[in-house]
């Protein structure tokens, strides 16, 4: 499986990128694709925030009493 960056309108469309479809020509399939791209951006932003907080303030963000031990 090849990884493909998902970009917005600030970036040009290239052979190796994917962009959401224009809302002017929105078919049901294109709306679903755009929704999935939108959700992907939200998930990636949450992951980036989580990783940032874990690295900068680990004891405040994830106190030791909140973690499982084996």
C-alpha atoms as a PDB file:
ATOM      1  CA  UNK A   1       0.000   0.000   0.000  1.00  0.00           C
ATOM      2  CA  UNK A   2       1.343   3.395  -0.979  1.00  0.00           C
ATOM      3  CA  UNK A   3       0.994   6.382   1.342  1.00  0.00           C
ATOM      4  CA  UNK A   4      -0.570   9.487  -0.207  1.00  0.00           C
ATOM      5  CA  UNK A   5      -0.631  12.908   1.500  1.00  0.00           C
ATOM      6  CA  UNK A   6      -4.078  14.450   1.736  1.00  0.00           C
ATOM      7  CA  UNK A   7      -3.790  18.185   1.111  1.00  0.00           C
ATOM      8  CA  UNK A   8      -6.114  21.172   0.999  1.00  0.00           C
ATOM      9  CA  UNK A   9      -6.484  24.035  -1.483  1.00  0.00           C
ATOM     10  CA  UNK A  10      -3.256  25.666  -0.285  1.00  0.00           C
ATOM     11  CA  UNK A  11      -1.312  22.947  -2.114  1.00  0.00           C
ATOM     12  CA  UNK A  12      -1.335  22.104  -5.821  1.00  0.00           C
ATOM     13  CA  UNK A  13      -2.732  18.768  -6.929  1.00  0.00           C
ATOM     14  CA  UNK A  14       0.125  16.436  -7.851  1.00  0.00           C
ATOM     15  CA  UNK A  15       0.328  12.789  -8.896  1.00  0.00           C
ATOM     16  CA  UNK A  16       1.239  11.835  -5.315  1.00  0.00           C
ATOM     17  CA  UNK A  17      -1.380  13.899  -3.427  1.00  0.00           C
ATOM     18  CA  UNK A  18      -5.135  13.738  -2.857  1.00  0.00           C
ATOM     19  CA  UNK A  19      -7.480  16.698  -2.416  1.00  0.00           C
ATOM     20  CA  UNK A  20     -11.183  16.942  -1.567  1.00  0.00           C
ATOM     21  CA  UNK A  21     -13.539  17.462  -4.473  1.00  0.00           C
ATOM     22  CA  UNK A  22     -14.966  20.914  -5.149  1.00  0.00           C
ATOM     23  CA  UNK A  23     -18.370  21.493  -3.574  1.00  0.00           C
ATOM     24  CA  UNK A  24     -19.586  22.821  -6.927  1.00  0.00           C
ATOM     25  CA  UNK A  25     -19.667  19.324  -8.444  1.00  0.00           C
ATOM     26  CA  UNK A  26     -20.661  17.333  -5.386  1.00  0.00           C
ATOM     27  CA  UNK A  27     -22.143  13.942  -6.199  1.00  0.00           C
ATOM     28  CA  UNK A  28     -23.119  11.606  -3.335  1.00  0.00           C
ATOM     29  CA  UNK A  29     -19.879   9.617  -3.747  1.00  0.00           C
ATOM     30  CA  UNK A  30     -17.796  12.806  -3.736  1.00  0.00           C
ATOM     31  CA  UNK A  31     -19.573  14.068  -0.625  1.00  0.00           C
ATOM     32  CA  UNK A  32     -18.715  10.817   1.144  1.00  0.00           C
ATOM     33  CA  UNK A  33     -15.076  11.121   0.040  1.00  0.00           C
ATOM     34  CA  UNK A  34     -14.902  14.744   1.263  1.00  0.00           C
ATOM     35  CA  UNK A  35     -16.432  13.724   4.587  1.00  0.00           C
ATOM     36  CA  UNK A  36     -13.833  10.992   5.035  1.00  0.00           C
ATOM     37  CA  UNK A  37     -11.037  13.444   4.227  1.00  0.00           C
ATOM     38  CA  UNK A  38     -12.490  15.838   6.812  1.00  0.00           C
ATOM     39  CA  UNK A  39     -12.642  13.111   9.465  1.00  0.00           C
ATOM     40  CA  UNK A  40      -9.071  12.088   8.595  1.00  0.00           C
ATOM     41  CA  UNK A  41      -7.895  15.651   9.282  1.00  0.00           C
ATOM     42  CA  UNK A  42      -9.658  15.704  12.657  1.00  0.00           C
ATOM     43  CA  UNK A  43      -8.188  12.355  13.691  1.00  0.00           C
ATOM     44  CA  UNK A  44      -4.685  13.403  12.646  1.00  0.00           C
ATOM     45  CA  UNK A  45      -5.015  16.702  14.546  1.00  0.00           C
ATOM     46  CA  UNK A  46      -6.115  14.826  17.685  1.00  0.00           C
ATOM     47  CA  UNK A  47      -3.180  12.407  17.358  1.00  0.00           C
ATOM     48  CA  UNK A  48      -0.735  15.279  16.930  1.00  0.00           C
ATOM     49  CA  UNK A  49      -2.144  17.069  19.984  1.00  0.00           C
ATOM     50  CA  UNK A  50      -2.029  13.862  22.037  1.00  0.00           C
ATOM     51  CA  UNK A  51       1.605  13.206  21.081  1.00  0.00           C
ATOM     52  CA  UNK A  52       2.576  16.824  21.781  1.00  0.00           C
ATOM     53  CA  UNK A  53       0.996  16.780  25.234  1.00  0.00           C
ATOM     54  CA  UNK A  54       2.571  13.409  26.055  1.00  0.00           C
ATOM     55  CA  UNK A  55       6.015  14.745  25.190  1.00  0.00           C
ATOM     56  CA  UNK A  56       5.729  18.195  26.824  1.00  0.00           C
ATOM     57  CA  UNK A  57       3.717  17.607  30.010  1.00  0.00           C
ATOM     58  CA  UNK A  58       3.544  13.816  30.484  1.00  0.00           C
ATOM     59  CA  UNK A  59       2.778  13.809  34.224  1.00  0.00           C
ATOM     60  CA  UNK A  60      -0.014  16.366  33.907  1.00  0.00           C
ATOM     61  CA  UNK A  61      -1.539  14.936  30.745  1.00  0.00           C
ATOM     62  CA  UNK A  62      -1.315  11.270  31.723  1.00  0.00           C
ATOM     63  CA  UNK A  63      -0.860  10.958  35.474  1.00  0.00           C
ATOM     64  CA  UNK A  64       0.660   7.652  36.552  1.00  0.00           C
ATOM     65  CA  UNK A  65      -2.473   6.661  38.474  1.00  0.00           C
ATOM     66  CA  UNK A  66      -4.426   6.718  35.175  1.00  0.00           C
ATOM     67  CA  UNK A  67      -2.190   4.138  33.511  1.00  0.00           C
ATOM     68  CA  UNK A  68      -2.523   0.363  33.747  1.00  0.00           C
ATOM     69  CA  UNK A  69       0.333  -1.743  35.009  1.00  0.00           C
ATOM     70  CA  UNK A  70       1.034  -5.363  34.280  1.00  0.00           C
END
